[in-house]
Amino acid sequence: MNTEPATPPFHEPRLSRELRALLASQRVASLGTLNNEGKPFVSMVPFAVEPDSAILVIHVSQLAPHTGFLLRNPAVSVMVMQAEVAGAPVHALPRISFDGVATRLEPGTSAWQAARSAYLARFPEAEPMTQLGDFSFVGIRVTQARQVAGFGAARSLASDEISSVLRPL
């Protein structure tokens, strides 16, 4: 007979559940970097979440301007937004803006392997690109975030809340 107390069921707050669902349902993000003159530059990137390290993962080419920008200045911003629905209001679209620090992951390391696995689980069609020498995996460690879940439903997330949402339940 087991005499240990039962673990109470985990309750995840509604906004965290909605954020987790948004990140699972959307596969592309807007990546904000600073160009060589220090001016904002925004591009589109497919992204994955590497849950063990609680980082965002992107796979970038050396030919892309944003790659050079983030390697020179690793401070980045990433926005993930629910897709627009024709005829529906757009001002309350659920979205999250992350600020973070980008790091090129060294090929063959455990961090690179984990990032590659997370990315290919989401984008299996990208496997041939992982063999090309000019592509790199970049991990983005999120330092702060702002979630808008609709009208009157917005919040800033502390680093522990961010890590919690990026990790599995």
N, C-alpha and C. Protein backbone atom coordinates (compact mmCIF):
# COMPACT_ATOMS: atom_id res chain seq x y z
N MET A 1 0.84 -1.18 0.00
CA MET A 1 0.00 0.00 0.00
C MET A 1 0.89 1.25 0.00
N ASN A 2 0.61 2.18 -0.88
CA ASN A 2 1.38 3.41 -0.99
C ASN A 2 0.83 4.42 0.01
N THR A 3 1.72 4.87 0.92
CA THR A 3 1.28 5.81 1.95
C THR A 3 1.74 7.24 1.66
N GLU A 4 2.42 7.45 0.53
CA GLU A 4 2.87 8.80 0.20
C GLU A 4 1.68 9.62 -0.28
N PRO A 5 1.67 10.92 0.09
CA PRO A 5 0.55 11.78 -0.34
C PRO A 5 0.56 11.94 -1.87
N ALA A 6 -0.61 12.00 -2.43
CA ALA A 6 -0.74 12.20 -3.87
C ALA A 6 -0.28 13.60 -4.24
N THR A 7 0.36 13.71 -5.39
CA THR A 7 0.79 15.02 -5.88
C THR A 7 -0.45 15.77 -6.36
N PRO A 8 -0.63 17.01 -5.87
CA PRO A 8 -1.81 17.75 -6.33
C PRO A 8 -1.70 18.01 -7.83
N PRO A 9 -2.83 18.06 -8.53
CA PRO A 9 -2.77 18.31 -9.97
C PRO A 9 -2.19 19.69 -10.24
N PHE A 10 -1.41 19.78 -11.32
CA PHE A 10 -0.78 21.04 -11.69
C PHE A 10 -1.81 21.92 -12.37
N HIS A 11 -1.85 23.17 -11.95
CA HIS A 11 -2.74 24.14 -12.59
C HIS A 11 -1.89 25.20 -13.27
N GLU A 12 -2.00 25.26 -14.59
CA GLU A 12 -1.29 26.28 -15.34
C GLU A 12 -2.24 27.44 -15.58
N PRO A 13 -1.80 28.66 -15.30
CA PRO A 13 -2.67 29.82 -15.52
C PRO A 13 -3.13 29.91 -16.98
N ARG A 14 -4.30 30.48 -17.19
CA ARG A 14 -4.90 30.59 -18.52
C ARG A 14 -3.97 31.26 -19.52
N LEU A 15 -3.35 32.39 -19.16
CA LEU A 15 -2.49 33.09 -20.11
C LEU A 15 -1.27 32.26 -20.47
N SER A 16 -0.77 31.49 -19.55
CA SER A 16 0.36 30.60 -19.86
C SER A 16 -0.07 29.49 -20.81
N ARG A 17 -1.26 28.92 -20.58
CA ARG A 17 -1.78 27.90 -21.50
C ARG A 17 -1.96 28.47 -22.90
N GLU A 18 -2.51 29.68 -22.96
CA GLU A 18 -2.72 30.31 -24.26
C GLU A 18 -1.40 30.62 -24.96
N LEU A 19 -0.40 31.03 -24.19
CA LEU A 19 0.91 31.30 -24.78
C LEU A 19 1.55 30.02 -25.28
N ARG A 20 1.47 28.97 -24.50
CA ARG A 20 2.01 27.66 -24.92
C ARG A 20 1.33 27.22 -26.23
N ALA A 21 0.01 27.40 -26.32
CA ALA A 21 -0.73 27.02 -27.53
C ALA A 21 -0.32 27.89 -28.72
N LEU A 22 -0.11 29.18 -28.50
CA LEU A 22 0.32 30.07 -29.57
C LEU A 22 1.68 29.62 -30.12
N LEU A 23 2.62 29.34 -29.24
CA LEU A 23 3.95 28.92 -29.69
C LEU A 23 3.92 27.58 -30.40
N ALA A 24 2.99 26.71 -30.01
CA ALA A 24 2.88 25.41 -30.68
C ALA A 24 2.20 25.53 -32.04
N SER A 25 1.29 26.49 -32.19
CA SER A 25 0.51 26.58 -33.42
C SER A 25 1.16 27.43 -34.51
N GLN A 26 2.06 28.32 -34.13
CA GLN A 26 2.70 29.22 -35.11
C GLN A 26 4.14 28.77 -35.32
N ARG A 27 4.55 28.69 -36.59
CA ARG A 27 5.89 28.18 -36.89
C ARG A 27 6.86 29.25 -37.38
N VAL A 28 6.37 30.46 -37.60
CA VAL A 28 7.26 31.53 -38.05
C VAL A 28 7.18 32.70 -37.08
N ALA A 29 8.28 33.45 -37.04
CA ALA A 29 8.36 34.60 -36.16
C ALA A 29 9.00 35.75 -36.91
N SER A 30 8.82 36.94 -36.38
CA SER A 30 9.54 38.11 -36.86
C SER A 30 10.76 38.26 -35.96
N LEU A 31 11.92 38.36 -36.58
CA LEU A 31 13.18 38.51 -35.85
C LEU A 31 13.67 39.93 -36.02
N GLY A 32 13.86 40.62 -34.93
CA GLY A 32 14.40 41.97 -34.95
C GLY A 32 15.86 41.97 -34.54
N THR A 33 16.71 42.52 -35.40
CA THR A 33 18.13 42.67 -35.12
C THR A 33 18.49 44.13 -35.34
N LEU A 34 19.73 44.48 -35.04
CA LEU A 34 20.22 45.82 -35.32
C LEU A 34 21.25 45.72 -36.44
N ASN A 35 21.07 46.53 -37.49
CA ASN A 35 22.00 46.46 -38.62
C ASN A 35 23.32 47.12 -38.25
N ASN A 36 24.22 47.20 -39.22
CA ASN A 36 25.55 47.73 -38.96
C ASN A 36 25.56 49.19 -38.53
N GLU A 37 24.49 49.92 -38.84
CA GLU A 37 24.37 51.31 -38.42
C GLU A 37 23.59 51.44 -37.12
N GLY A 38 23.21 50.32 -36.53
CA GLY A 38 22.43 50.34 -35.29
C GLY A 38 20.95 50.58 -35.50
N LYS A 39 20.50 50.46 -36.76
CA LYS A 39 19.08 50.65 -37.07
C LYS A 39 18.36 49.30 -37.05
N PRO A 40 17.06 49.31 -36.70
CA PRO A 40 16.30 48.06 -36.65
C PRO A 40 16.18 47.40 -38.02
N PHE A 41 16.26 46.08 -38.01
CA PHE A 41 16.07 45.27 -39.22
C PHE A 41 15.21 44.09 -38.80
N VAL A 42 14.10 43.88 -39.50
CA VAL A 42 13.17 42.80 -39.15
C VAL A 42 13.08 41.83 -40.31
N SER A 43 13.12 40.55 -39.98
CA SER A 43 13.00 39.50 -40.99
C SER A 43 12.13 38.38 -40.45
N MET A 44 11.75 37.47 -41.35
CA MET A 44 10.94 36.32 -40.97
C MET A 44 11.86 35.12 -40.78
N VAL A 45 11.63 34.37 -39.70
CA VAL A 45 12.39 33.15 -39.45
C VAL A 45 11.47 32.05 -38.94
N PRO A 46 11.64 30.84 -39.46
CA PRO A 46 10.99 29.70 -38.81
C PRO A 46 11.68 29.48 -37.45
N PHE A 47 10.93 29.03 -36.46
CA PHE A 47 11.53 28.83 -35.13
C PHE A 47 11.00 27.57 -34.49
N ALA A 48 11.77 27.07 -33.56
CA ALA A 48 11.37 25.94 -32.73
C ALA A 48 11.73 26.29 -31.29
N VAL A 49 11.21 25.52 -30.37
CA VAL A 49 11.55 25.67 -28.96
C VAL A 49 12.33 24.44 -28.55
N GLU A 50 13.50 24.66 -27.95
CA GLU A 50 14.28 23.55 -27.40
C GLU A 50 13.94 23.52 -25.91
N PRO A 51 13.12 22.54 -25.50
CA PRO A 51 12.54 22.59 -24.16
C PRO A 51 13.51 22.35 -23.01
N ASP A 52 14.54 21.55 -23.20
CA ASP A 52 15.45 21.28 -22.09
C ASP A 52 16.20 22.54 -21.66
N SER A 53 16.61 23.34 -22.64
CA SER A 53 17.32 24.58 -22.34
C SER A 53 16.39 25.78 -22.28
N ALA A 54 15.13 25.59 -22.65
CA ALA A 54 14.13 26.67 -22.68
C ALA A 54 14.62 27.83 -23.53
N ILE A 55 15.05 27.51 -24.76
CA ILE A 55 15.50 28.54 -25.70
C ILE A 55 14.70 28.44 -26.98
N LEU A 56 14.66 29.54 -27.72
CA LEU A 56 14.12 29.53 -29.07
C LEU A 56 15.27 29.17 -30.00
N VAL A 57 14.97 28.41 -31.05
CA VAL A 57 15.99 27.96 -31.99
C VAL A 57 15.62 28.44 -33.38
N ILE A 58 16.59 29.03 -34.06
CA ILE A 58 16.43 29.38 -35.47
C ILE A 58 17.59 28.76 -36.23
N HIS A 59 17.41 28.56 -37.52
CA HIS A 59 18.43 27.98 -38.39
C HIS A 59 18.68 29.01 -39.47
N VAL A 60 19.88 29.59 -39.50
CA VAL A 60 20.12 30.74 -40.34
C VAL A 60 21.30 30.52 -41.28
N SER A 61 21.22 31.18 -42.42
CA SER A 61 22.28 31.14 -43.42
C SER A 61 23.22 32.33 -43.23
N GLN A 62 24.49 32.11 -43.49
CA GLN A 62 25.46 33.20 -43.46
C GLN A 62 25.15 34.24 -44.53
N LEU A 63 24.37 33.87 -45.55
CA LEU A 63 24.01 34.80 -46.62
C LEU A 63 22.92 35.78 -46.20
N ALA A 64 22.18 35.47 -45.14
CA ALA A 64 21.09 36.33 -44.69
C ALA A 64 21.64 37.51 -43.89
N PRO A 65 21.16 38.71 -44.19
CA PRO A 65 21.65 39.88 -43.43
C PRO A 65 21.47 39.74 -41.92
N HIS A 66 20.32 39.18 -41.49
CA HIS A 66 20.07 39.10 -40.04
C HIS A 66 21.11 38.24 -39.32
N THR A 67 21.69 37.26 -40.02
CA THR A 67 22.70 36.42 -39.38
C THR A 67 23.93 37.25 -39.01
N GLY A 68 24.44 38.02 -39.94
CA GLY A 68 25.58 38.88 -39.63
C GLY A 68 25.25 39.88 -38.55
N PHE A 69 24.05 40.43 -38.59
CA PHE A 69 23.65 41.41 -37.59
C PHE A 69 23.63 40.80 -36.19
N LEU A 70 23.03 39.61 -36.04
CA LEU A 70 22.92 39.03 -34.71
C LEU A 70 24.26 38.49 -34.21
N LEU A 71 25.16 38.12 -35.14
CA LEU A 71 26.49 37.70 -34.70
C LEU A 71 27.30 38.90 -34.19
N ARG A 72 27.10 40.07 -34.79
CA ARG A 72 27.81 41.28 -34.34
C ARG A 72 27.19 41.88 -33.09
N ASN A 73 25.86 41.81 -33.00
CA ASN A 73 25.15 42.33 -31.83
C ASN A 73 24.08 41.31 -31.46
N PRO A 74 24.33 40.49 -30.45
CA PRO A 74 23.42 39.37 -30.14
C PRO A 74 22.10 39.75 -29.47
N ALA A 75 21.88 41.04 -29.20
CA ALA A 75 20.60 41.46 -28.63
C ALA A 75 19.55 41.40 -29.74
N VAL A 76 18.52 40.58 -29.55
CA VAL A 76 17.49 40.41 -30.57
C VAL A 76 16.11 40.50 -29.93
N SER A 77 15.12 40.65 -30.79
CA SER A 77 13.73 40.61 -30.39
C SER A 77 13.01 39.66 -31.35
N VAL A 78 12.08 38.90 -30.82
CA VAL A 78 11.34 37.92 -31.62
C VAL A 78 9.86 38.11 -31.31
N MET A 79 9.03 38.19 -32.35
CA MET A 79 7.59 38.28 -32.15
C MET A 79 6.90 37.13 -32.86
N VAL A 80 6.05 36.45 -32.12
CA VAL A 80 5.21 35.38 -32.66
C VAL A 80 3.78 35.86 -32.52
N MET A 81 3.00 35.74 -33.61
CA MET A 81 1.64 36.26 -33.61
C MET A 81 0.70 35.25 -34.26
N GLN A 82 -0.50 35.18 -33.74
CA GLN A 82 -1.53 34.35 -34.35
C GLN A 82 -1.83 34.89 -35.74
N ALA A 83 -2.09 34.01 -36.66
CA ALA A 83 -2.41 34.42 -38.03
C ALA A 83 -3.73 35.19 -38.07
N GLU A 84 -3.77 36.15 -38.96
CA GLU A 84 -4.99 36.94 -39.16
C GLU A 84 -6.08 36.07 -39.78
N VAL A 85 -7.31 36.30 -39.37
CA VAL A 85 -8.47 35.63 -39.96
C VAL A 85 -9.25 36.69 -40.74
N ALA A 86 -9.53 36.40 -42.00
CA ALA A 86 -10.24 37.37 -42.85
C ALA A 86 -11.54 37.81 -42.20
N GLY A 87 -11.74 39.13 -42.15
CA GLY A 87 -12.97 39.69 -41.61
C GLY A 87 -13.00 39.86 -40.10
N ALA A 88 -12.01 39.30 -39.39
CA ALA A 88 -11.97 39.42 -37.93
C ALA A 88 -11.10 40.61 -37.54
N PRO A 89 -11.39 41.23 -36.39
CA PRO A 89 -10.57 42.36 -35.94
C PRO A 89 -9.11 41.91 -35.71
N VAL A 90 -8.18 42.78 -36.04
CA VAL A 90 -6.77 42.42 -35.91
C VAL A 90 -6.11 42.99 -34.65
N HIS A 91 -6.70 43.98 -34.04
CA HIS A 91 -6.05 44.66 -32.92
C HIS A 91 -5.86 43.78 -31.69
N ALA A 92 -6.63 42.74 -31.55
CA ALA A 92 -6.53 41.88 -30.38
C ALA A 92 -5.89 40.52 -30.70
N LEU A 93 -5.21 40.43 -31.85
CA LEU A 93 -4.58 39.16 -32.18
C LEU A 93 -3.60 38.74 -31.08
N PRO A 94 -3.67 37.51 -30.62
CA PRO A 94 -2.71 37.04 -29.62
C PRO A 94 -1.29 37.08 -30.18
N ARG A 95 -0.36 37.54 -29.31
CA ARG A 95 1.03 37.65 -29.74
C ARG A 95 1.94 37.69 -28.52
N ILE A 96 3.21 37.42 -28.78
CA ILE A 96 4.23 37.49 -27.74
C ILE A 96 5.47 38.13 -28.34
N SER A 97 6.05 39.05 -27.62
CA SER A 97 7.33 39.66 -28.01
C SER A 97 8.37 39.25 -26.99
N PHE A 98 9.42 38.62 -27.48
CA PHE A 98 10.53 38.19 -26.63
C PHE A 98 11.73 39.08 -26.89
N ASP A 99 12.43 39.46 -25.85
CA ASP A 99 13.76 40.05 -25.98
C ASP A 99 14.73 38.99 -25.51
N GLY A 100 15.86 38.90 -26.18
CA GLY A 100 16.81 37.88 -25.78
C GLY A 100 18.19 38.09 -26.34
N VAL A 101 19.02 37.10 -26.10
CA VAL A 101 20.40 37.11 -26.53
C VAL A 101 20.62 35.89 -27.43
N ALA A 102 21.10 36.15 -28.65
CA ALA A 102 21.32 35.09 -29.63
C ALA A 102 22.75 34.57 -29.53
N THR A 103 22.88 33.26 -29.63
CA THR A 103 24.20 32.62 -29.61
C THR A 103 24.26 31.57 -30.70
N ARG A 104 25.30 31.67 -31.54
CA ARG A 104 25.52 30.62 -32.55
C ARG A 104 25.98 29.37 -31.81
N LEU A 105 25.30 28.26 -32.08
CA LEU A 105 25.61 27.01 -31.39
C LEU A 105 26.69 26.27 -32.17
N GLU A 106 27.70 25.82 -31.47
CA GLU A 106 28.85 25.18 -32.09
C GLU A 106 28.46 23.78 -32.58
N PRO A 107 28.66 23.50 -33.89
CA PRO A 107 28.29 22.19 -34.43
C PRO A 107 28.91 21.04 -33.63
N GLY A 108 28.10 20.02 -33.42
CA GLY A 108 28.56 18.82 -32.73
C GLY A 108 28.42 18.85 -31.23
N THR A 109 28.19 20.02 -30.64
CA THR A 109 28.03 20.10 -29.18
C THR A 109 26.66 19.55 -28.78
N SER A 110 26.51 19.30 -27.49
CA SER A 110 25.21 18.80 -27.02
C SER A 110 24.12 19.86 -27.23
N ALA A 111 24.46 21.13 -27.06
CA ALA A 111 23.47 22.20 -27.29
C ALA A 111 23.06 22.22 -28.75
N TRP A 112 24.00 22.05 -29.66
CA TRP A 112 23.71 22.02 -31.10
C TRP A 112 22.84 20.82 -31.42
N GLN A 113 23.16 19.66 -30.87
CA GLN A 113 22.38 18.44 -31.12
C GLN A 113 20.94 18.61 -30.64
N ALA A 114 20.77 19.19 -29.45
CA ALA A 114 19.43 19.40 -28.90
C ALA A 114 18.65 20.38 -29.76
N ALA A 115 19.31 21.46 -30.19
CA ALA A 115 18.65 22.46 -31.05
C ALA A 115 18.26 21.84 -32.38
N ARG A 116 19.16 21.07 -32.96
CA ARG A 116 18.90 20.40 -34.24
C ARG A 116 17.70 19.46 -34.10
N SER A 117 17.66 18.69 -33.04
CA SER A 117 16.55 17.75 -32.83
C SER A 117 15.22 18.48 -32.69
N ALA A 118 15.21 19.56 -31.91
CA ALA A 118 13.97 20.34 -31.74
C ALA A 118 13.54 20.96 -33.05
N TYR A 119 14.48 21.49 -33.80
CA TYR A 119 14.16 22.16 -35.06
C TYR A 119 13.64 21.15 -36.08
N LEU A 120 14.32 20.01 -36.20
CA LEU A 120 13.89 19.01 -37.19
C LEU A 120 12.60 18.31 -36.79
N ALA A 121 12.29 18.26 -35.51
CA ALA A 121 11.00 17.71 -35.10
C ALA A 121 9.88 18.59 -35.64
N ARG A 122 10.13 19.87 -35.74
CA ARG A 122 9.14 20.82 -36.24
C ARG A 122 9.21 21.01 -37.75
N PHE A 123 10.42 20.92 -38.30
CA PHE A 123 10.64 21.16 -39.73
C PHE A 123 11.46 20.02 -40.33
N PRO A 124 10.89 18.83 -40.43
CA PRO A 124 11.68 17.70 -40.95
C PRO A 124 12.19 17.94 -42.36
N GLU A 125 11.48 18.75 -43.14
CA GLU A 125 11.89 19.05 -44.51
C GLU A 125 13.18 19.85 -44.58
N ALA A 126 13.62 20.41 -43.45
CA ALA A 126 14.83 21.23 -43.42
C ALA A 126 16.10 20.40 -43.21
N GLU A 127 15.97 19.10 -43.05
CA GLU A 127 17.14 18.26 -42.75
C GLU A 127 18.28 18.45 -43.75
N PRO A 128 18.02 18.47 -45.07
CA PRO A 128 19.15 18.68 -46.00
C PRO A 128 19.90 20.00 -45.76
N MET A 129 19.19 21.03 -45.33
CA MET A 129 19.85 22.31 -45.07
C MET A 129 20.80 22.24 -43.88
N THR A 130 20.56 21.30 -42.95
CA THR A 130 21.45 21.19 -41.79
C THR A 130 22.81 20.65 -42.18
N GLN A 131 22.92 20.11 -43.40
CA GLN A 131 24.20 19.58 -43.90
C GLN A 131 25.03 20.64 -44.61
N LEU A 132 24.42 21.79 -44.90
CA LEU A 132 25.12 22.85 -45.64
C LEU A 132 26.01 23.65 -44.69
N GLY A 133 27.21 23.93 -45.13
CA GLY A 133 28.20 24.59 -44.29
C GLY A 133 27.89 26.04 -43.95
N ASP A 134 27.05 26.70 -44.74
CA ASP A 134 26.80 28.11 -44.44
C ASP A 134 25.60 28.32 -43.52
N PHE A 135 24.97 27.24 -43.05
CA PHE A 135 23.85 27.36 -42.13
C PHE A 135 24.30 27.07 -40.70
N SER A 136 23.70 27.76 -39.76
CA SER A 136 24.02 27.57 -38.34
C SER A 136 22.73 27.54 -37.53
N PHE A 137 22.79 26.80 -36.44
CA PHE A 137 21.71 26.88 -35.45
C PHE A 137 22.07 27.99 -34.47
N VAL A 138 21.07 28.80 -34.15
CA VAL A 138 21.23 29.89 -33.20
C VAL A 138 20.21 29.68 -32.09
N GLY A 139 20.68 29.74 -30.86
CA GLY A 139 19.78 29.66 -29.71
C GLY A 139 19.54 31.05 -29.18
N ILE A 140 18.29 31.34 -28.86
CA ILE A 140 17.94 32.65 -28.30
C ILE A 140 17.47 32.43 -26.88
N ARG A 141 18.29 32.92 -25.94
CA ARG A 141 17.92 32.85 -24.53
C ARG A 141 17.07 34.08 -24.23
N VAL A 142 15.83 33.83 -23.89
CA VAL A 142 14.88 34.92 -23.66
C VAL A 142 15.13 35.55 -22.30
N THR A 143 15.22 36.87 -22.29
CA THR A 143 15.47 37.60 -21.04
C THR A 143 14.23 38.30 -20.51
N GLN A 144 13.32 38.66 -21.42
CA GLN A 144 12.04 39.24 -21.00
C GLN A 144 11.03 39.06 -22.11
N ALA A 145 9.76 39.18 -21.75
CA ALA A 145 8.70 38.97 -22.73
C ALA A 145 7.47 39.79 -22.37
N ARG A 146 6.71 40.07 -23.41
CA ARG A 146 5.43 40.78 -23.25
C ARG A 146 4.39 40.03 -24.06
N GLN A 147 3.36 39.55 -23.39
CA GLN A 147 2.28 38.79 -24.03
C GLN A 147 1.04 39.64 -24.12
N VAL A 148 0.42 39.62 -25.30
CA VAL A 148 -0.91 40.21 -25.48
C VAL A 148 -1.80 39.06 -25.91
N ALA A 149 -2.80 38.77 -25.07
CA ALA A 149 -3.70 37.65 -25.34
C ALA A 149 -5.07 38.14 -25.81
N GLY A 150 -5.22 39.43 -26.03
CA GLY A 150 -6.48 40.03 -26.45
C GLY A 150 -6.66 41.35 -25.74
N PHE A 151 -7.81 42.00 -25.97
CA PHE A 151 -8.08 43.27 -25.30
C PHE A 151 -8.11 43.07 -23.79
N GLY A 152 -7.36 43.89 -23.08
CA GLY A 152 -7.34 43.82 -21.62
C GLY A 152 -6.64 42.61 -21.05
N ALA A 153 -5.96 41.85 -21.88
CA ALA A 153 -5.27 40.65 -21.42
C ALA A 153 -3.82 40.71 -21.89
N ALA A 154 -3.03 41.48 -21.18
CA ALA A 154 -1.62 41.63 -21.52
C ALA A 154 -0.81 41.54 -20.24
N ARG A 155 0.42 41.06 -20.38
CA ARG A 155 1.29 40.95 -19.21
C ARG A 155 2.74 40.87 -19.63
N SER A 156 3.60 41.28 -18.72
CA SER A 156 5.03 41.06 -18.87
C SER A 156 5.36 39.78 -18.12
N LEU A 157 6.29 39.02 -18.65
CA LEU A 157 6.65 37.75 -18.02
C LEU A 157 8.04 37.84 -17.42
N ALA A 158 8.16 37.35 -16.20
CA ALA A 158 9.45 37.24 -15.54
C ALA A 158 10.21 36.06 -16.15
N SER A 159 11.51 36.02 -15.95
CA SER A 159 12.33 34.99 -16.59
C SER A 159 11.91 33.58 -16.17
N ASP A 160 11.48 33.37 -14.92
CA ASP A 160 11.06 32.03 -14.50
C ASP A 160 9.76 31.62 -15.19
N GLU A 161 8.86 32.58 -15.44
CA GLU A 161 7.62 32.28 -16.16
C GLU A 161 7.92 31.92 -17.62
N ILE A 162 8.87 32.62 -18.22
CA ILE A 162 9.25 32.35 -19.60
C ILE A 162 9.80 30.93 -19.70
N SER A 163 10.73 30.58 -18.83
CA SER A 163 11.31 29.24 -18.84
C SER A 163 10.24 28.18 -18.66
N SER A 164 9.29 28.44 -17.77
CA SER A 164 8.21 27.49 -17.52
C SER A 164 7.39 27.24 -18.77
N VAL A 165 7.06 28.29 -19.51
CA VAL A 165 6.25 28.13 -20.72
C VAL A 165 7.03 27.44 -21.84
N LEU A 166 8.34 27.66 -21.91
CA LEU A 166 9.15 27.05 -22.95
C LEU A 166 9.52 25.60 -22.66
N ARG A 167 9.27 25.16 -21.45
CA ARG A 167 9.55 23.76 -21.07
C ARG A 167 8.24 22.98 -21.09
N PRO A 168 8.33 21.65 -21.27
CA PRO A 168 7.10 20.86 -21.23
C PRO A 168 6.50 20.83 -19.82
N LEU A 169 5.20 20.59 -19.76
CA LEU A 169 4.53 20.51 -18.44
C LEU A 169 5.04 19.33 -17.66
